[in-house]
Amino acid sequence: MEGPLTVRQISSSTYKDRNEEYKRQFTHLPDTEKLIADYACALQRDILLQGRLYLSENWLCFYSNIFRWETTISIALKNITFMTKEKTARLIPNAIQIVTEGEKFFFTSFGARDRSYLSIFRLWQNVLLDKGLGREELQSEKQIKKSPSLTSEKRLSRVASKSLDLNKNEYLSLDKSSTSDSVDEENITEKDLHGRLFINRVFHISAEKMFELLFTSSRFMQRFANSRNIIDVVSTPWNVEPGGDQLRTMTYTIVLNNPLTGKCTTATEKQTLYKESREARFYLVDAEVLTHDVPYHDYFYTLNRYHIIRSSKQKCRLRVSTDLKYRKQPWAIVKSLIEKNSWSSLEDYFKQLESDLLMEESVLNQSIEDPGKLSGVRRRRRNFNRTAEMVPKLSSLRSSGDVGLDAKGHVTGKKKLMESCNTALIVVMSIFLLLLVLLNVTLLLKLSKIEYAAQSFYRLHLQEEKSLNLASDMTSRAENIQKNKDQTHRLKGVLRDSILMLEQLKSSLIMLQRTFDLLNKNKTGLAVGS
């Protein structure tokens, strides 16, 4: 089993060779940096880069050389923001993730992951505390590594051993002796996804209340879904799986404004509450979201991880990270298109979620402050009609009541607006129908005039033929030509007027059709907005 190499564990010649190799590979480091330990491991990138991890008092370095393809990484311990133990492919516990301000490094294939993690963590803490590593601490490193470490899972297991029953908000009660107002965040190891971190904020909301807001059919989530144009939401209750985790499935429809993706898309969200979660203290939820009607939907899905960590009795930290997962590898241009649209949508979604949670936080805090004021105002009236226990109950219901009234008022306003729009639509349609009737009557009169003119022309033509046959010798040819011209001119005038009337009727009908199309679009927009 591969372990750390220290001065006490290896011969001086071997340590000297390792130290010279370390100096030769990382020439930019100060000469005062001495090699403390090194580990065989691999860096996970597009491919797995096998190499060695070198640990000194102030630096964490990695070097790999695969077929003369060299990879060199130097990380100052003071630049590390946090580090976590990880599992390769979610199964093998042999990985460590190092996170700096702008990058994440996933090292795997450790022979003794826990001892390696403890050594790196201890040196990192010494740098943050500006504390050097003395000779006695360096020689006792082996004994420290062999001592059992108290992991976050073991600490959490001391709190409660039972799983949560989340159906109908009937939570199992905790032992009150294990609950205090002290900060518990330091006992929790956050395991973010490899994608992006969108929310990392402390809210003045208890951890239990935060879970209720986000992962039940709360009014908060109903309002948030309406604001995001999410409709037809159907969710199942939390069901306990054989492994101890709890599963909840949601289906809904998202109304889209993007012409490339259609008007709407259905989605399925599978939420998994892990068995390590503890009521009112720590919740770990993964939400797997699949959209079914967007381009290339069969290539990818999104995975959102929610950490809700109790900070104090009325505070919790919400940490949300997201990653894009691929079922099959798309082309590069398709992958860039998927990631561009997905990250943009996710960023907008979680920004609004954070903003709405801040507003909900202010409402909840206001509802907590109001009972004292309300009890002071109604102190003289208690003896007449209410007991001392009624006032706090009423005040505690104030926030939910106000929210209900606001929602009802919003719906009523929308109904009145739709009714007024419908009335105006009916009036406009009636006016256009009246105009259409008038145009039809005018057209009928014109057509009757044309028919009369045609019949008169026919009769005149017959009479002229008879007159020409009877008095062809008496009528000159010039007179007949002049009469024909006059009649032709008269007929042309009648036909010209008829054509003008028909064109006016056509333009009126086109204008009427456009008006109806515009009214239908406005009505559809109002229905979608409601």
Protein backbone atom coordinates (compact mmCIF):
# COMPACT_ATOMS: atom_id res chain seq x y z
CA MET A 1 0.00 0.00 0.00
CA GLU A 2 1.41 3.35 -1.04
CA GLY A 3 1.90 5.78 1.86
CA PRO A 4 3.57 9.10 2.60
CA LEU A 5 7.37 9.16 2.58
CA THR A 6 8.85 11.06 5.56
CA VAL A 7 12.33 11.41 7.05
CA ARG A 8 11.62 8.71 9.65
CA GLN A 9 10.15 6.25 7.17
CA ILE A 10 12.75 6.15 4.42
CA SER A 11 16.49 6.16 4.32
CA SER A 12 18.36 9.39 3.93
CA SER A 13 19.53 8.42 0.41
CA THR A 14 15.99 7.76 -0.81
CA TYR A 15 14.70 10.98 0.74
CA LYS A 16 17.59 12.89 -0.81
CA ASP A 17 16.74 11.50 -4.26
CA ARG A 18 13.07 12.43 -3.82
CA ASN A 19 13.94 15.92 -2.63
CA GLU A 20 16.31 16.50 -5.57
CA GLU A 21 13.66 15.26 -7.96
CA TYR A 22 11.18 17.66 -6.35
CA LYS A 23 13.59 20.59 -6.71
CA ARG A 24 14.38 19.69 -10.32
CA GLN A 25 10.74 19.47 -11.39
CA PHE A 26 9.58 22.63 -9.56
CA THR A 27 12.43 25.10 -10.00
CA HIS A 28 10.21 28.14 -9.42
CA LEU A 29 9.66 27.26 -5.75
CA PRO A 30 11.81 28.85 -3.03
CA ASP A 31 14.95 26.96 -1.99
CA THR A 32 13.67 26.85 1.59
CA GLU A 33 10.85 24.49 0.61
CA LYS A 34 11.63 20.99 1.83
CA LEU A 35 9.82 17.90 0.68
CA ILE A 36 7.67 16.45 3.48
CA ALA A 37 5.75 13.69 1.73
CA ASP A 38 4.91 12.44 -1.75
CA TYR A 39 2.16 10.15 -3.02
CA ALA A 40 1.51 8.17 -6.19
CA CYS A 41 -1.84 9.31 -7.61
CA ALA A 42 -3.53 10.47 -10.81
CA LEU A 43 -5.08 13.76 -11.94
CA GLN A 44 -8.49 13.42 -13.56
CA ARG A 45 -8.90 15.56 -16.69
CA ASP A 46 -9.91 14.59 -20.20
CA ILE A 47 -7.81 11.50 -19.58
CA LEU A 48 -6.35 10.11 -16.35
CA LEU A 49 -2.83 11.53 -15.84
CA GLN A 50 -0.79 9.21 -13.63
CA GLY A 51 1.96 10.94 -11.63
CA ARG A 52 3.07 11.96 -8.13
CA LEU A 53 1.77 14.49 -5.65
CA TYR A 54 4.48 16.35 -3.69
CA LEU A 55 3.73 18.00 -0.36
CA SER A 56 5.95 20.63 1.27
CA GLU A 57 5.33 23.06 4.10
CA ASN A 58 3.69 25.69 1.87
CA TRP A 59 3.06 24.03 -1.49
CA LEU A 60 1.09 21.17 -3.01
CA CYS A 61 2.58 20.10 -6.37
CA PHE A 62 1.78 17.47 -8.97
CA TYR A 63 3.96 16.15 -11.81
CA SER A 64 3.06 13.70 -14.59
CA ASN A 65 5.04 12.54 -17.62
CA ILE A 66 3.15 10.28 -20.04
CA PHE A 67 5.00 9.63 -23.30
CA ARG A 68 6.88 12.94 -22.84
CA TRP A 69 3.60 14.79 -22.27
CA GLU A 70 4.43 16.65 -19.09
CA THR A 71 1.87 18.11 -16.71
CA THR A 72 3.04 20.31 -13.84
CA ILE A 73 0.75 21.87 -11.21
CA SER A 74 1.80 24.02 -8.24
CA ILE A 75 -0.79 25.10 -5.67
CA ALA A 76 0.07 27.33 -2.73
CA LEU A 77 -1.60 25.88 0.37
CA LYS A 78 -2.82 29.34 1.37
CA ASN A 79 -4.79 29.55 -1.91
CA ILE A 80 -6.83 26.42 -1.17
CA THR A 81 -10.43 27.32 -0.24
CA PHE A 82 -11.54 23.83 0.78
CA MET A 83 -10.79 20.17 0.20
CA THR A 84 -12.95 17.07 0.35
CA LYS A 85 -12.67 13.31 0.24
CA GLU A 86 -14.28 11.94 -2.91
CA LYS A 87 -15.15 8.65 -4.59
CA THR A 88 -14.11 7.69 -8.07
CA ALA A 89 -17.22 6.89 -10.13
CA ARG A 90 -19.18 7.34 -6.86
CA LEU A 91 -17.98 3.91 -5.71
CA ILE A 92 -14.26 3.78 -4.95
CA PRO A 93 -13.13 5.92 -1.96
CA ASN A 94 -9.67 6.77 -3.30
CA ALA A 95 -9.91 10.43 -4.39
CA ILE A 96 -9.32 13.91 -2.96
CA GLN A 97 -10.66 17.13 -4.44
CA ILE A 98 -8.68 20.36 -3.97
CA VAL A 99 -10.55 23.61 -4.66
CA THR A 100 -8.95 27.04 -5.11
CA GLU A 101 -10.54 30.37 -5.92
CA GLY A 102 -10.94 29.64 -9.61
CA GLU A 103 -10.16 25.94 -10.19
CA LYS A 104 -10.93 22.43 -8.98
CA PHE A 105 -8.39 19.59 -8.99
CA PHE A 106 -9.58 15.99 -8.69
CA PHE A 107 -6.77 13.64 -7.60
CA THR A 108 -7.55 9.92 -7.57
CA SER A 109 -5.90 6.48 -7.28
CA PHE A 110 -4.49 7.11 -3.78
CA GLY A 111 -3.30 3.95 -2.06
CA ALA A 112 -4.12 5.33 1.41
CA ARG A 113 -6.61 8.12 0.76
CA ASP A 114 -7.54 8.90 4.39
CA ARG A 115 -3.95 9.25 5.64
CA SER A 116 -2.98 11.31 2.60
CA TYR A 117 -5.96 13.58 3.14
CA LEU A 118 -5.11 14.04 6.82
CA SER A 119 -1.50 15.03 6.01
CA ILE A 120 -2.56 17.58 3.39
CA PHE A 121 -5.34 18.94 5.61
CA ARG A 122 -2.99 19.35 8.58
CA LEU A 123 -0.40 21.29 6.57
CA TRP A 124 -3.16 23.43 5.02
CA GLN A 125 -4.48 24.34 8.46
CA ASN A 126 -0.98 25.21 9.66
CA VAL A 127 -0.57 27.62 6.73
CA LEU A 128 -3.95 29.24 7.38
CA LEU A 129 -3.05 29.67 11.06
CA ASP A 130 0.43 30.93 10.10
CA LYS A 131 1.91 28.14 12.15
CA GLY A 132 5.11 26.39 11.13
CA LEU A 133 5.69 22.64 11.26
CA GLY A 134 8.24 21.84 13.94
CA ARG A 135 10.63 18.93 14.03
CA GLU A 136 8.64 17.09 16.68
CA GLU A 137 5.42 17.49 14.66
CA LEU A 138 7.20 16.27 11.53
CA GLN A 139 8.57 13.10 13.33
CA SER A 140 5.18 12.36 14.90
CA GLU A 141 3.33 12.53 11.59
CA LYS A 142 3.22 8.76 11.29
CA GLN A 143 1.51 8.36 14.66
CA ILE A 144 -1.02 11.07 13.83
CA LYS A 145 -1.89 9.38 10.55
CA LYS A 146 -2.56 6.11 12.34
CA SER A 147 -4.98 7.73 14.81
CA PRO A 148 -8.63 7.29 13.90
CA SER A 149 -10.14 10.38 12.29
CA LEU A 150 -13.63 11.51 13.11
CA THR A 151 -15.38 11.98 9.79
CA SER A 152 -18.43 14.09 9.18
CA GLU A 153 -20.53 10.96 8.74
CA LYS A 154 -19.56 9.70 12.22
CA ARG A 155 -20.25 13.10 13.77
CA LEU A 156 -23.66 13.18 12.17
CA SER A 157 -24.44 9.64 13.24
CA ARG A 158 -24.13 10.77 16.89
CA VAL A 159 -26.99 13.19 16.41
CA ALA A 160 -29.65 10.72 15.32
CA SER A 161 -29.69 7.26 13.84
CA LYS A 162 -33.19 7.30 12.42
CA SER A 163 -34.07 8.43 8.92
CA LEU A 164 -36.51 11.22 8.19
CA ASP A 165 -40.17 10.67 7.47
CA LEU A 166 -41.05 13.64 5.27
CA ASN A 167 -44.53 12.68 4.11
CA LYS A 168 -47.13 15.32 5.03
CA ASN A 169 -44.46 17.28 6.91
CA GLU A 170 -44.55 14.79 9.79
CA TYR A 171 -40.90 14.95 10.85
CA LEU A 172 -39.48 12.66 13.49
CA SER A 173 -38.59 14.52 16.68
CA LEU A 174 -34.95 14.92 17.69
CA ASP A 175 -33.38 14.61 21.06
CA LYS A 176 -33.37 18.22 22.31
CA SER A 177 -30.18 17.68 24.23
CA SER A 178 -28.31 17.31 20.93
CA THR A 179 -29.65 20.60 19.54
CA SER A 180 -28.00 23.88 20.44
CA ASP A 181 -27.45 27.33 19.02
CA SER A 182 -23.79 26.72 18.30
CA VAL A 183 -22.45 26.69 14.75
CA ASP A 184 -22.56 23.20 13.22
CA GLU A 185 -21.22 24.02 9.75
CA GLU A 186 -17.70 22.97 10.65
CA ASN A 187 -18.92 19.42 11.25
CA ILE A 188 -20.29 19.12 7.72
CA THR A 189 -18.15 18.40 4.66
CA GLU A 190 -19.75 19.92 1.56
CA LYS A 191 -19.34 17.79 -1.53
CA ASP A 192 -20.13 20.08 -4.42
CA LEU A 193 -20.61 18.89 -7.96
CA HIS A 194 -17.88 19.47 -10.54
CA GLY A 195 -19.90 22.06 -12.48
CA ARG A 196 -20.67 25.47 -10.99
CA LEU A 197 -21.60 26.81 -7.57
CA PHE A 198 -24.63 29.11 -7.89
CA ILE A 199 -25.76 29.72 -4.28
CA ASN A 200 -23.63 29.87 -1.13
CA ARG A 201 -25.34 32.07 1.42
CA VAL A 202 -26.46 32.07 5.06
CA PHE A 203 -30.18 32.78 5.43
CA HIS A 204 -32.02 33.80 8.60
CA ILE A 205 -34.22 30.74 8.13
CA SER A 206 -33.97 27.54 10.10
CA ALA A 207 -32.68 24.47 8.27
CA GLU A 208 -35.98 22.66 8.77
CA LYS A 209 -37.95 25.62 7.37
CA MET A 210 -35.59 25.93 4.40
CA PHE A 211 -36.14 22.27 3.53
CA GLU A 212 -39.90 22.76 3.85
CA LEU A 213 -39.80 25.77 1.50
CA LEU A 214 -37.75 24.05 -1.21
CA PHE A 215 -38.79 20.40 -1.12
CA THR A 216 -42.48 20.34 -0.26
CA SER A 217 -45.54 21.74 -2.01
CA SER A 218 -45.13 25.03 -0.18
CA ARG A 219 -46.70 28.32 -1.19
CA PHE A 220 -43.22 29.66 -1.76
CA MET A 221 -42.49 27.06 -4.45
CA GLN A 222 -45.94 27.62 -5.98
CA ARG A 223 -45.28 31.35 -6.33
CA PHE A 224 -41.77 30.69 -7.61
CA ALA A 225 -43.08 28.22 -10.21
CA ASN A 226 -45.67 30.76 -11.40
CA SER A 227 -43.01 33.44 -11.77
CA ARG A 228 -40.86 31.03 -13.83
CA ASN A 229 -43.80 30.08 -16.12
CA ILE A 230 -43.83 26.55 -14.72
CA ILE A 231 -47.31 25.00 -14.88
CA ASP A 232 -49.04 21.65 -14.32
CA VAL A 233 -46.78 20.73 -11.39
CA VAL A 234 -47.42 17.21 -10.05
CA SER A 235 -45.27 15.72 -7.27
CA THR A 236 -45.23 12.44 -5.41
CA PRO A 237 -44.69 12.14 -1.65
CA TRP A 238 -41.27 11.23 -0.27
CA ASN A 239 -40.83 7.45 -0.49
CA VAL A 240 -38.15 5.50 1.38
CA GLU A 241 -35.92 3.43 -0.92
CA PRO A 242 -34.43 0.05 0.08
CA GLY A 243 -31.00 1.63 0.64
CA GLY A 244 -32.36 4.18 3.12
CA ASP A 245 -32.47 7.19 0.80
CA GLN A 246 -35.78 8.91 0.10
CA LEU A 247 -37.08 9.68 -3.40
CA ARG A 248 -39.57 12.23 -4.70
CA THR A 249 -40.56 12.69 -8.36
CA MET A 250 -41.95 15.86 -9.92
CA THR A 251 -43.36 16.45 -13.40
CA TYR A 252 -44.19 19.87 -14.80
CA THR A 253 -44.40 21.94 -17.97
CA ILE A 254 -42.14 24.94 -18.66
CA VAL A 255 -43.50 27.69 -20.93
CA LEU A 256 -40.63 28.88 -23.13
CA ASN A 257 -40.01 32.16 -24.94
CA ASN A 258 -37.31 30.80 -27.24
CA PRO A 259 -38.62 30.29 -30.80
CA LEU A 260 -35.96 27.63 -31.45
CA THR A 261 -37.20 25.33 -28.67
CA GLY A 262 -40.95 25.59 -29.14
CA LYS A 263 -43.62 27.09 -26.92
CA CYS A 264 -43.25 24.68 -23.99
CA THR A 265 -41.45 21.58 -22.77
CA THR A 266 -42.28 18.92 -20.23
CA ALA A 267 -39.75 18.04 -17.54
CA THR A 268 -39.20 15.33 -14.94
CA GLU A 269 -37.29 16.04 -11.73
CA LYS A 270 -36.14 13.22 -9.47
CA GLN A 271 -35.17 14.42 -5.99
CA THR A 272 -33.09 12.16 -3.74
CA LEU A 273 -32.74 12.92 -0.02
CA TYR A 274 -29.72 10.96 1.20
CA LYS A 275 -29.88 8.91 4.33
CA GLU A 276 -27.01 10.89 5.89
CA SER A 277 -29.42 13.83 6.31
CA ARG A 278 -30.54 14.70 9.83
CA GLU A 279 -33.73 16.54 10.65
CA ALA A 280 -33.33 20.25 11.41
CA ARG A 281 -29.52 19.99 11.17
CA PHE A 282 -28.31 18.84 7.76
CA TYR A 283 -30.01 17.98 4.47
CA LEU A 284 -28.33 16.69 1.31
CA VAL A 285 -30.59 16.53 -1.75
CA ASP A 286 -29.72 15.75 -5.38
CA ALA A 287 -32.23 16.81 -8.05
CA GLU A 288 -31.89 15.21 -11.48
CA VAL A 289 -33.79 17.26 -14.10
CA LEU A 290 -34.64 15.92 -17.55
CA THR A 291 -36.30 18.13 -20.18
CA HIS A 292 -38.10 16.14 -22.84
CA ASP A 293 -38.97 18.56 -25.67
CA VAL A 294 -35.84 20.65 -26.21
CA PRO A 295 -33.26 20.00 -28.95
CA TYR A 296 -30.79 17.17 -28.11
CA HIS A 297 -32.71 16.38 -24.92
CA ASP A 298 -31.67 12.73 -25.16
CA TYR A 299 -27.99 13.72 -24.89
CA PHE A 300 -27.89 15.42 -21.49
CA TYR A 301 -29.57 16.21 -18.18
CA THR A 302 -28.79 18.54 -15.27
CA LEU A 303 -27.92 17.51 -11.72
CA ASN A 304 -28.47 20.01 -8.90
CA ARG A 305 -27.07 19.39 -5.42
CA TYR A 306 -28.56 21.20 -2.42
CA HIS A 307 -26.77 21.43 0.93
CA ILE A 308 -28.85 22.83 3.79
CA ILE A 309 -26.61 23.15 6.86
CA ARG A 310 -27.76 24.42 10.24
CA SER A 311 -25.76 27.43 11.43
CA SER A 312 -27.88 28.22 14.51
CA LYS A 313 -31.45 27.83 15.67
CA GLN A 314 -32.80 30.38 13.19
CA LYS A 315 -30.02 30.33 10.56
CA CYS A 316 -28.84 27.93 7.91
CA ARG A 317 -26.44 27.90 4.98
CA LEU A 318 -27.81 26.99 1.56
CA ARG A 319 -25.25 25.75 -0.92
CA VAL A 320 -26.37 24.81 -4.43
CA SER A 321 -24.04 23.40 -7.08
CA THR A 322 -24.97 22.19 -10.56
CA ASP A 323 -23.38 20.05 -13.22
CA LEU A 324 -24.30 19.00 -16.76
CA LYS A 325 -24.30 15.23 -17.27
CA TYR A 326 -24.16 13.56 -20.68
CA ARG A 327 -25.83 10.28 -21.51
CA LYS A 328 -23.94 10.10 -24.80
CA GLN A 329 -21.16 12.26 -26.15
CA PRO A 330 -22.38 14.87 -28.68
CA TRP A 331 -20.35 16.65 -31.35
CA ALA A 332 -18.24 19.56 -30.19
CA ILE A 333 -20.47 22.22 -31.78
CA VAL A 334 -23.59 20.58 -30.32
CA LYS A 335 -21.95 20.32 -26.89
CA SER A 336 -21.01 24.00 -26.91
CA LEU A 337 -24.58 24.92 -27.87
CA ILE A 338 -26.01 22.74 -25.08
CA GLU A 339 -23.67 24.16 -22.46
CA LYS A 340 -24.18 27.79 -23.51
CA ASN A 341 -27.98 27.61 -23.30
CA SER A 342 -28.05 25.37 -20.21
CA TRP A 343 -25.64 27.42 -18.08
CA SER A 344 -27.43 30.64 -19.01
CA SER A 345 -30.82 29.20 -18.01
CA LEU A 346 -29.47 27.69 -14.79
CA GLU A 347 -27.80 30.94 -13.76
CA ASP A 348 -31.02 32.88 -14.30
CA TYR A 349 -33.03 30.22 -12.42
CA PHE A 350 -30.86 30.17 -9.30
CA LYS A 351 -30.43 33.96 -9.23
CA GLN A 352 -34.19 34.32 -9.03
CA LEU A 353 -34.41 31.51 -6.45
CA GLU A 354 -31.86 33.27 -4.25
CA SER A 355 -33.68 36.60 -4.64
CA ASP A 356 -37.05 35.06 -3.77
CA LEU A 357 -35.55 33.31 -0.73
CA LEU A 358 -34.23 36.66 0.51
CA MET A 359 -37.71 38.15 0.20
CA GLU A 360 -39.20 35.14 1.98
CA GLU A 361 -36.56 35.58 4.68
CA SER A 362 -37.69 39.17 5.31
CA VAL A 363 -41.35 38.07 5.45
CA LEU A 364 -40.59 35.28 7.93
CA ASN A 365 -38.47 37.53 10.12
CA GLN A 366 -41.22 40.16 10.10
CA SER A 367 -43.76 37.55 11.18
CA ILE A 368 -41.48 36.58 14.08
CA GLU A 369 -41.20 40.20 15.26
CA ASP A 370 -44.94 40.97 14.99
CA PRO A 371 -46.30 38.80 17.87
CA GLY A 372 -44.71 40.99 20.55
CA LYS A 373 -46.10 44.17 19.03
CA LEU A 374 -49.53 42.60 18.60
CA SER A 375 -49.65 41.34 22.18
CA GLY A 376 -48.75 44.82 23.49
CA VAL A 377 -51.52 46.49 21.52
CA ARG A 378 -54.22 44.02 22.53
CA ARG A 379 -53.23 43.58 26.17
CA ARG A 380 -56.35 45.33 27.49
CA ARG A 381 -58.73 43.39 25.26
CA ARG A 382 -57.64 39.88 26.14
CA ASN A 383 -59.94 39.52 29.12
CA PHE A 384 -62.99 40.36 27.06
CA ASN A 385 -62.94 37.98 24.14
CA ARG A 386 -59.68 36.05 23.81
CA THR A 387 -57.32 33.96 25.86
CA ALA A 388 -53.62 34.63 26.20
CA GLU A 389 -52.78 31.85 23.76
CA MET A 390 -54.79 33.19 20.82
CA VAL A 391 -52.65 36.22 19.97
CA PRO A 392 -49.40 34.35 19.21
CA LYS A 393 -51.30 31.87 17.06
CA LEU A 394 -52.90 34.61 15.03
CA SER A 395 -49.62 36.42 14.61
CA SER A 396 -47.86 33.23 13.59
CA LEU A 397 -50.42 32.77 10.85
CA ARG A 398 -50.02 36.32 9.64
CA SER A 399 -47.35 35.65 7.07
CA SER A 400 -49.23 32.79 5.44
CA GLY A 401 -52.51 34.76 5.55
CA ASP A 402 -50.93 37.81 3.99
CA VAL A 403 -49.46 35.65 1.27
CA GLY A 404 -52.86 34.11 0.60
CA LEU A 405 -54.56 37.51 0.41
CA ASP A 406 -51.87 38.80 -1.91
CA ALA A 407 -52.30 35.80 -4.17
CA LYS A 408 -56.10 36.17 -4.19
CA GLY A 409 -55.86 39.89 -4.92
CA HIS A 410 -53.45 39.19 -7.74
CA VAL A 411 -55.81 36.62 -9.26
CA THR A 412 -58.84 38.95 -8.86
CA GLY A 413 -56.98 41.78 -10.57
CA LYS A 414 -56.10 39.53 -13.46
CA LYS A 415 -59.74 38.42 -13.80
CA LYS A 416 -60.97 42.03 -13.90
CA LEU A 417 -58.36 42.88 -16.49
CA MET A 418 -59.42 39.93 -18.65
CA GLU A 419 -63.11 40.88 -18.31
CA SER A 420 -62.43 44.48 -19.40
CA CYS A 421 -60.36 43.23 -22.33
CA ASN A 422 -63.14 40.85 -23.34
CA THR A 423 -65.71 43.70 -23.23
CA ALA A 424 -63.52 45.91 -25.40
CA LEU A 425 -62.98 43.01 -27.78
CA ILE A 426 -66.73 42.47 -28.14
CA VAL A 427 -67.34 46.18 -28.83
CA VAL A 428 -64.63 46.32 -31.49
CA MET A 429 -65.89 43.14 -33.14
CA SER A 430 -69.46 44.52 -33.19
CA ILE A 431 -68.29 47.73 -34.90
CA PHE A 432 -66.42 45.78 -37.56
CA LEU A 433 -69.37 43.49 -38.15
CA LEU A 434 -71.61 46.54 -38.68
CA LEU A 435 -69.12 47.99 -41.15
CA LEU A 436 -69.01 44.67 -42.95
CA VAL A 437 -72.81 44.61 -43.27
CA LEU A 438 -72.82 48.13 -44.69
CA LEU A 439 -70.14 47.19 -47.22
CA ASN A 440 -72.13 44.14 -48.28
CA VAL A 441 -75.29 46.24 -48.78
CA THR A 442 -73.36 48.77 -50.86
CA LEU A 443 -71.87 45.97 -52.94
CA LEU A 444 -75.33 44.49 -53.51
CA LEU A 445 -76.65 47.83 -54.77
CA LYS A 446 -73.72 48.22 -57.11
CA LEU A 447 -74.18 44.73 -58.47
CA SER A 448 -77.86 45.40 -59.11
CA LYS A 449 -76.94 48.56 -61.01
CA ILE A 450 -74.45 46.61 -63.11
CA GLU A 451 -77.06 43.99 -63.90
CA TYR A 452 -79.58 46.66 -64.89
CA ALA A 453 -77.03 48.40 -67.11
CA ALA A 454 -76.15 45.11 -68.80
CA GLN A 455 -79.82 44.34 -69.50
CA SER A 456 -80.42 47.86 -70.83
CA PHE A 457 -77.41 47.54 -73.09
CA TYR A 458 -78.68 44.22 -74.39
CA ARG A 459 -82.11 45.60 -75.13
CA LEU A 460 -80.62 48.65 -76.81
CA HIS A 461 -78.44 46.44 -78.89
CA LEU A 462 -81.42 44.42 -80.08
CA GLN A 463 -83.33 47.58 -80.95
CA GLU A 464 -80.35 48.93 -82.84
CA GLU A 465 -80.02 45.74 -84.80
CA LYS A 466 -83.68 45.93 -85.74
CA SER A 467 -83.41 49.59 -86.60
CA LEU A 468 -80.28 48.90 -88.65
CA ASN A 469 -82.02 46.14 -90.54
CA LEU A 470 -85.16 48.25 -91.20
CA ALA A 471 -83.49 51.57 -91.92
CA SER A 472 -79.99 50.71 -92.97
CA ASP A 473 -80.32 52.92 -95.95
CA MET A 474 -81.57 55.90 -93.97
CA THR A 475 -78.97 55.82 -91.16
CA SER A 476 -75.49 56.81 -91.94
CA ARG A 477 -72.56 54.80 -90.82
CA ALA A 478 -71.10 57.71 -88.92
CA GLU A 479 -74.12 57.96 -86.64
CA ASN A 480 -73.96 54.24 -85.83
CA ILE A 481 -70.27 54.50 -84.92
CA GLN A 482 -70.94 57.47 -82.65
CA LYS A 483 -73.74 55.63 -80.89
CA ASN A 484 -71.56 52.59 -80.37
CA LYS A 485 -68.83 54.78 -78.89
CA ASP A 486 -71.28 56.41 -76.52
CA GLN A 487 -72.64 53.08 -75.38
CA THR A 488 -69.16 51.62 -74.96
CA HIS A 489 -68.07 54.62 -72.94
CA ARG A 490 -71.12 54.31 -70.74
CA LEU A 491 -70.50 50.61 -70.14
CA LYS A 492 -66.83 51.24 -69.34
CA GLY A 493 -67.85 53.80 -66.71
CA VAL A 494 -70.20 51.32 -65.07
CA LEU A 495 -67.54 48.59 -65.05
CA ARG A 496 -64.90 50.99 -63.68
CA ASP A 497 -67.17 51.94 -60.78
CA SER A 498 -67.84 48.27 -60.11
CA ILE A 499 -64.13 47.45 -60.07
CA LEU A 500 -63.42 50.29 -57.62
CA MET A 501 -66.16 49.07 -55.30
CA LEU A 502 -64.81 45.54 -55.43
CA GLU A 503 -61.28 46.73 -54.56
CA GLN A 504 -62.64 48.79 -51.64
CA LEU A 505 -64.49 45.73 -50.39
CA LYS A 506 -61.33 43.61 -50.71
CA SER A 507 -59.22 46.11 -48.72
CA SER A 508 -61.92 46.31 -46.05
CA LEU A 509 -62.01 42.54 -45.71
CA ILE A 510 -58.18 42.36 -45.43
CA MET A 511 -58.22 45.06 -42.72
CA LEU A 512 -60.92 43.15 -40.85
CA GLN A 513 -58.91 39.93 -41.02
CA ARG A 514 -55.78 41.65 -39.65
CA THR A 515 -57.81 43.15 -36.82
CA PHE A 516 -59.18 39.75 -35.85
CA ASP A 517 -55.65 38.23 -35.91
CA LEU A 518 -54.35 41.02 -33.65
CA LEU A 519 -57.22 40.60 -31.22
CA ASN A 520 -56.67 36.84 -31.07
CA LYS A 521 -52.94 37.37 -30.31
CA ASN A 522 -53.72 39.84 -27.53
CA LYS A 523 -56.26 37.48 -26.03
CA THR A 524 -53.77 34.59 -26.15
CA GLY A 525 -51.08 36.74 -24.49
CA LEU A 526 -53.45 37.71 -21.69
CA ALA A 527 -54.41 34.08 -21.12
CA VAL A 528 -50.74 33.01 -20.92
CA GLY A 529 -49.88 35.88 -18.59
CA SER A 530 -52.68 34.91 -16.22
